[in-house]
Amino acid sequence: MANERLRATISAKGQTLQTLADHVGIDPKSVERWISKDRTPHRSHRWKAASFLGVDEVYLWPTVAKQAETASTSELITYYPTEVPSPRPCGHR
């Protein structure tokens, strides 16, 4: 399934695969794969591309939101709040 949102956004912003690839610092074939094969690029490439196109990365790659949600809940198992003891005087004058 093609990433039509990405294709349409590139076109609407008056850009090309080449200009997006140049801005991100990758080969234009990679951008074509993002579109034609609906590949999700590396995080830093997503951020650069979305910033360049003036849209949120989740708009261009909706699966990223679900991945982020899964990662954030899997990283934290249990949280036990504790009080931080106040500093005690050390006896120095």
N, C-alpha and C. Protein backbone atom coordinates (compact mmCIF):
# COMPACT_ATOMS: atom_id res chain seq x y z
N MET A 1 0.84 -1.18 0.00
CA MET A 1 0.00 0.00 0.00
C MET A 1 0.89 1.24 0.00
N ALA A 2 0.60 2.15 -0.85
CA ALA A 2 1.43 3.36 -0.99
C ALA A 2 1.09 4.38 0.08
N ASN A 3 2.08 5.20 0.42
CA ASN A 3 1.89 6.28 1.37
C ASN A 3 1.45 7.52 0.59
N GLU A 4 0.15 7.61 0.35
CA GLU A 4 -0.40 8.72 -0.43
C GLU A 4 -0.32 10.04 0.31
N ARG A 5 -0.35 10.00 1.64
CA ARG A 5 -0.21 11.24 2.41
C ARG A 5 1.14 11.89 2.15
N LEU A 6 2.18 11.09 2.15
CA LEU A 6 3.51 11.63 1.91
C LEU A 6 3.62 12.16 0.49
N ARG A 7 3.15 11.40 -0.46
CA ARG A 7 3.19 11.82 -1.87
C ARG A 7 2.44 13.15 -2.05
N ALA A 8 1.23 13.24 -1.50
CA ALA A 8 0.41 14.44 -1.64
C ALA A 8 1.04 15.64 -0.94
N THR A 9 1.64 15.43 0.21
CA THR A 9 2.26 16.53 0.96
C THR A 9 3.47 17.06 0.21
N ILE A 10 4.28 16.18 -0.33
CA ILE A 10 5.44 16.62 -1.12
C ILE A 10 4.97 17.48 -2.28
N SER A 11 3.95 17.04 -2.96
CA SER A 11 3.42 17.76 -4.11
C SER A 11 2.78 19.10 -3.69
N ALA A 12 1.99 19.07 -2.62
CA ALA A 12 1.30 20.27 -2.16
C ALA A 12 2.27 21.36 -1.71
N LYS A 13 3.42 20.95 -1.19
CA LYS A 13 4.43 21.91 -0.73
C LYS A 13 5.34 22.37 -1.87
N GLY A 14 5.09 21.87 -3.08
CA GLY A 14 5.88 22.26 -4.24
C GLY A 14 7.28 21.68 -4.22
N GLN A 15 7.44 20.54 -3.60
CA GLN A 15 8.74 19.88 -3.50
C GLN A 15 8.76 18.65 -4.41
N THR A 16 9.93 18.04 -4.50
CA THR A 16 10.10 16.82 -5.26
C THR A 16 10.76 15.78 -4.37
N LEU A 17 10.79 14.55 -4.86
CA LEU A 17 11.50 13.50 -4.12
C LEU A 17 12.96 13.91 -3.93
N GLN A 18 13.54 14.52 -4.95
CA GLN A 18 14.95 14.92 -4.91
C GLN A 18 15.18 16.00 -3.84
N THR A 19 14.32 17.02 -3.79
CA THR A 19 14.54 18.09 -2.81
C THR A 19 14.36 17.58 -1.38
N LEU A 20 13.40 16.69 -1.19
CA LEU A 20 13.21 16.11 0.14
C LEU A 20 14.42 15.25 0.51
N ALA A 21 14.87 14.43 -0.42
CA ALA A 21 16.03 13.58 -0.17
C ALA A 21 17.27 14.42 0.14
N ASP A 22 17.47 15.50 -0.61
CA ASP A 22 18.62 16.37 -0.36
C ASP A 22 18.55 16.98 1.03
N HIS A 23 17.37 17.42 1.43
CA HIS A 23 17.23 18.03 2.76
C HIS A 23 17.49 17.02 3.88
N VAL A 24 16.98 15.82 3.69
CA VAL A 24 17.15 14.78 4.73
C VAL A 24 18.56 14.20 4.70
N GLY A 25 19.20 14.25 3.52
CA GLY A 25 20.55 13.71 3.39
C GLY A 25 20.58 12.24 3.02
N ILE A 26 19.63 11.84 2.18
CA ILE A 26 19.53 10.44 1.76
C ILE A 26 19.37 10.38 0.25
N ASP A 27 19.35 9.17 -0.27
CA ASP A 27 19.15 8.94 -1.70
C ASP A 27 17.67 9.09 -2.04
N PRO A 28 17.35 9.68 -3.19
CA PRO A 28 15.94 9.81 -3.59
C PRO A 28 15.21 8.47 -3.70
N LYS A 29 15.95 7.39 -3.95
CA LYS A 29 15.32 6.07 -4.02
C LYS A 29 14.72 5.69 -2.66
N SER A 30 15.35 6.14 -1.58
CA SER A 30 14.80 5.86 -0.25
C SER A 30 13.46 6.55 -0.07
N VAL A 31 13.36 7.79 -0.51
CA VAL A 31 12.09 8.52 -0.42
C VAL A 31 11.03 7.81 -1.26
N GLU A 32 11.42 7.34 -2.42
CA GLU A 32 10.47 6.61 -3.27
C GLU A 32 9.98 5.34 -2.57
N ARG A 33 10.86 4.67 -1.83
CA ARG A 33 10.45 3.47 -1.08
C ARG A 33 9.49 3.82 0.05
N TRP A 34 9.72 5.00 0.68
CA TRP A 34 8.80 5.44 1.73
C TRP A 34 7.40 5.55 1.15
N ILE A 35 7.32 6.00 -0.09
CA ILE A 35 6.01 6.22 -0.72
C ILE A 35 5.47 4.92 -1.31
N SER A 36 6.21 4.31 -2.21
CA SER A 36 5.68 3.16 -2.96
C SER A 36 5.56 1.89 -2.12
N LYS A 37 6.45 1.70 -1.17
CA LYS A 37 6.41 0.48 -0.35
C LYS A 37 5.93 0.75 1.07
N ASP A 38 5.52 2.02 1.31
CA ASP A 38 5.01 2.44 2.62
C ASP A 38 5.98 2.07 3.74
N ARG A 39 7.25 2.33 3.51
CA ARG A 39 8.27 2.06 4.53
C ARG A 39 8.31 3.22 5.51
N THR A 40 8.56 2.89 6.77
CA THR A 40 8.70 3.92 7.80
C THR A 40 10.18 4.20 7.97
N PRO A 41 10.59 5.45 7.72
CA PRO A 41 12.02 5.78 7.82
C PRO A 41 12.51 5.84 9.26
N HIS A 42 13.82 5.90 9.39
CA HIS A 42 14.45 6.06 10.70
C HIS A 42 13.94 7.35 11.34
N ARG A 43 13.90 7.35 12.66
CA ARG A 43 13.35 8.48 13.41
C ARG A 43 13.93 9.83 13.00
N SER A 44 15.24 9.93 12.89
CA SER A 44 15.85 11.22 12.53
C SER A 44 15.45 11.65 11.12
N HIS A 45 15.30 10.69 10.22
CA HIS A 45 14.86 11.01 8.86
C HIS A 45 13.40 11.44 8.85
N ARG A 46 12.58 10.81 9.68
CA ARG A 46 11.16 11.21 9.77
C ARG A 46 11.06 12.64 10.26
N TRP A 47 11.84 12.97 11.30
CA TRP A 47 11.78 14.32 11.87
C TRP A 47 12.21 15.37 10.85
N LYS A 48 13.29 15.09 10.14
CA LYS A 48 13.78 16.04 9.14
C LYS A 48 12.78 16.21 8.01
N ALA A 49 12.22 15.11 7.54
CA ALA A 49 11.26 15.16 6.44
C ALA A 49 9.99 15.91 6.86
N ALA A 50 9.46 15.59 8.01
CA ALA A 50 8.23 16.24 8.48
C ALA A 50 8.46 17.73 8.71
N SER A 51 9.59 18.07 9.29
CA SER A 51 9.91 19.48 9.52
C SER A 51 10.03 20.23 8.21
N PHE A 52 10.72 19.64 7.25
CA PHE A 52 10.91 20.25 5.94
C PHE A 52 9.56 20.47 5.24
N LEU A 53 8.65 19.52 5.40
CA LEU A 53 7.34 19.60 4.75
C LEU A 53 6.32 20.38 5.58
N GLY A 54 6.68 20.73 6.81
CA GLY A 54 5.80 21.53 7.66
C GLY A 54 4.59 20.80 8.21
N VAL A 55 4.74 19.50 8.45
CA VAL A 55 3.65 18.70 9.00
C VAL A 55 4.20 17.84 10.14
N ASP A 56 3.30 17.26 10.90
CA ASP A 56 3.69 16.36 11.98
C ASP A 56 4.05 15.00 11.39
N GLU A 57 5.06 14.37 11.96
CA GLU A 57 5.47 13.06 11.43
C GLU A 57 4.38 12.01 11.55
N VAL A 58 3.51 12.12 12.54
CA VAL A 58 2.43 11.15 12.72
C VAL A 58 1.41 11.28 11.59
N TYR A 59 1.27 12.47 11.01
CA TYR A 59 0.38 12.62 9.87
C TYR A 59 0.92 11.83 8.68
N LEU A 60 2.23 11.91 8.46
CA LEU A 60 2.84 11.21 7.32
C LEU A 60 2.98 9.72 7.56
N TRP A 61 3.25 9.34 8.80
CA TRP A 61 3.44 7.92 9.15
C TRP A 61 2.60 7.62 10.40
N PRO A 62 1.30 7.35 10.24
CA PRO A 62 0.41 7.13 11.39
C PRO A 62 0.82 5.97 12.30
N THR A 63 1.52 5.00 11.76
CA THR A 63 1.92 3.86 12.60
C THR A 63 2.94 4.25 13.66
N VAL A 64 3.58 5.40 13.48
CA VAL A 64 4.58 5.86 14.46
C VAL A 64 3.94 6.13 15.81
N ALA A 65 2.72 6.66 15.82
CA ALA A 65 2.02 6.95 17.08
C ALA A 65 1.80 5.68 17.88
N LYS A 66 1.40 4.63 17.20
CA LYS A 66 1.15 3.35 17.87
C LYS A 66 2.46 2.75 18.39
N GLN A 67 3.53 2.87 17.60
CA GLN A 67 4.84 2.37 18.02
C GLN A 67 5.33 3.11 19.26
N ALA A 68 5.15 4.42 19.29
CA ALA A 68 5.59 5.22 20.43
C ALA A 68 4.81 4.87 21.68
N GLU A 69 3.52 4.66 21.52
CA GLU A 69 2.68 4.29 22.66
C GLU A 69 3.11 2.95 23.23
N THR A 70 3.36 1.98 22.38
CA THR A 70 3.80 0.66 22.81
C THR A 70 5.15 0.73 23.50
N ALA A 71 6.07 1.50 22.94
CA ALA A 71 7.41 1.61 23.52
C ALA A 71 7.35 2.27 24.89
N SER A 72 6.56 3.32 25.03
CA SER A 72 6.53 4.04 26.30
C SER A 72 5.91 3.20 27.41
N THR A 73 4.91 2.39 27.10
CA THR A 73 4.31 1.56 28.14
C THR A 73 5.16 0.34 28.45
N SER A 74 5.98 -0.09 27.51
CA SER A 74 6.79 -1.27 27.78
C SER A 74 8.07 -0.93 28.54
N GLU A 75 8.47 0.33 28.53
CA GLU A 75 9.71 0.71 29.19
C GLU A 75 9.55 0.81 30.70
N LEU A 76 8.38 1.16 31.16
CA LEU A 76 8.14 1.37 32.58
C LEU A 76 7.22 0.26 33.08
N ILE A 77 7.73 -0.54 34.00
CA ILE A 77 6.93 -1.64 34.52
C ILE A 77 6.16 -1.18 35.75
N THR A 78 6.87 -0.68 36.76
CA THR A 78 6.25 -0.21 37.98
C THR A 78 7.02 1.00 38.49
N TYR A 79 6.30 1.93 39.06
CA TYR A 79 6.91 3.13 39.60
C TYR A 79 6.57 3.21 41.07
N TYR A 80 7.59 3.34 41.91
CA TYR A 80 7.39 3.47 43.33
C TYR A 80 7.92 4.84 43.76
N PRO A 81 7.04 5.77 44.08
CA PRO A 81 7.52 7.10 44.48
C PRO A 81 8.22 7.04 45.84
N THR A 82 9.26 7.79 45.97
CA THR A 82 9.98 7.88 47.23
C THR A 82 10.25 9.34 47.53
N GLU A 83 10.46 9.63 48.78
CA GLU A 83 10.79 10.99 49.17
C GLU A 83 12.31 11.13 49.15
N VAL A 84 12.74 12.27 48.69
CA VAL A 84 14.16 12.56 48.70
C VAL A 84 14.47 13.18 50.05
N PRO A 85 15.41 12.60 50.81
CA PRO A 85 15.72 13.17 52.14
C PRO A 85 16.31 14.57 51.99
N SER A 86 15.94 15.43 52.93
CA SER A 86 16.50 16.77 52.89
C SER A 86 17.94 16.70 53.37
N PRO A 87 18.77 17.61 52.86
CA PRO A 87 20.19 17.56 53.24
C PRO A 87 20.36 17.88 54.73
N ARG A 88 21.27 17.13 55.37
CA ARG A 88 21.55 17.35 56.78
C ARG A 88 22.80 18.21 56.91
N PRO A 89 22.82 19.04 57.91
CA PRO A 89 24.05 19.82 58.11
C PRO A 89 25.21 18.88 58.38
N CYS A 90 26.36 19.21 57.83
CA CYS A 90 27.49 18.30 57.97
C CYS A 90 28.41 18.68 59.11
N GLY A 91 28.08 19.69 59.86
CA GLY A 91 28.88 20.03 61.01
C GLY A 91 30.05 20.96 60.72
N HIS A 92 30.27 21.36 59.49
CA HIS A 92 31.35 22.29 59.14
C HIS A 92 30.87 23.72 59.38
N ARG A 93 31.82 24.55 59.81
CA ARG A 93 31.47 25.95 60.04
C ARG A 93 31.78 26.78 58.87
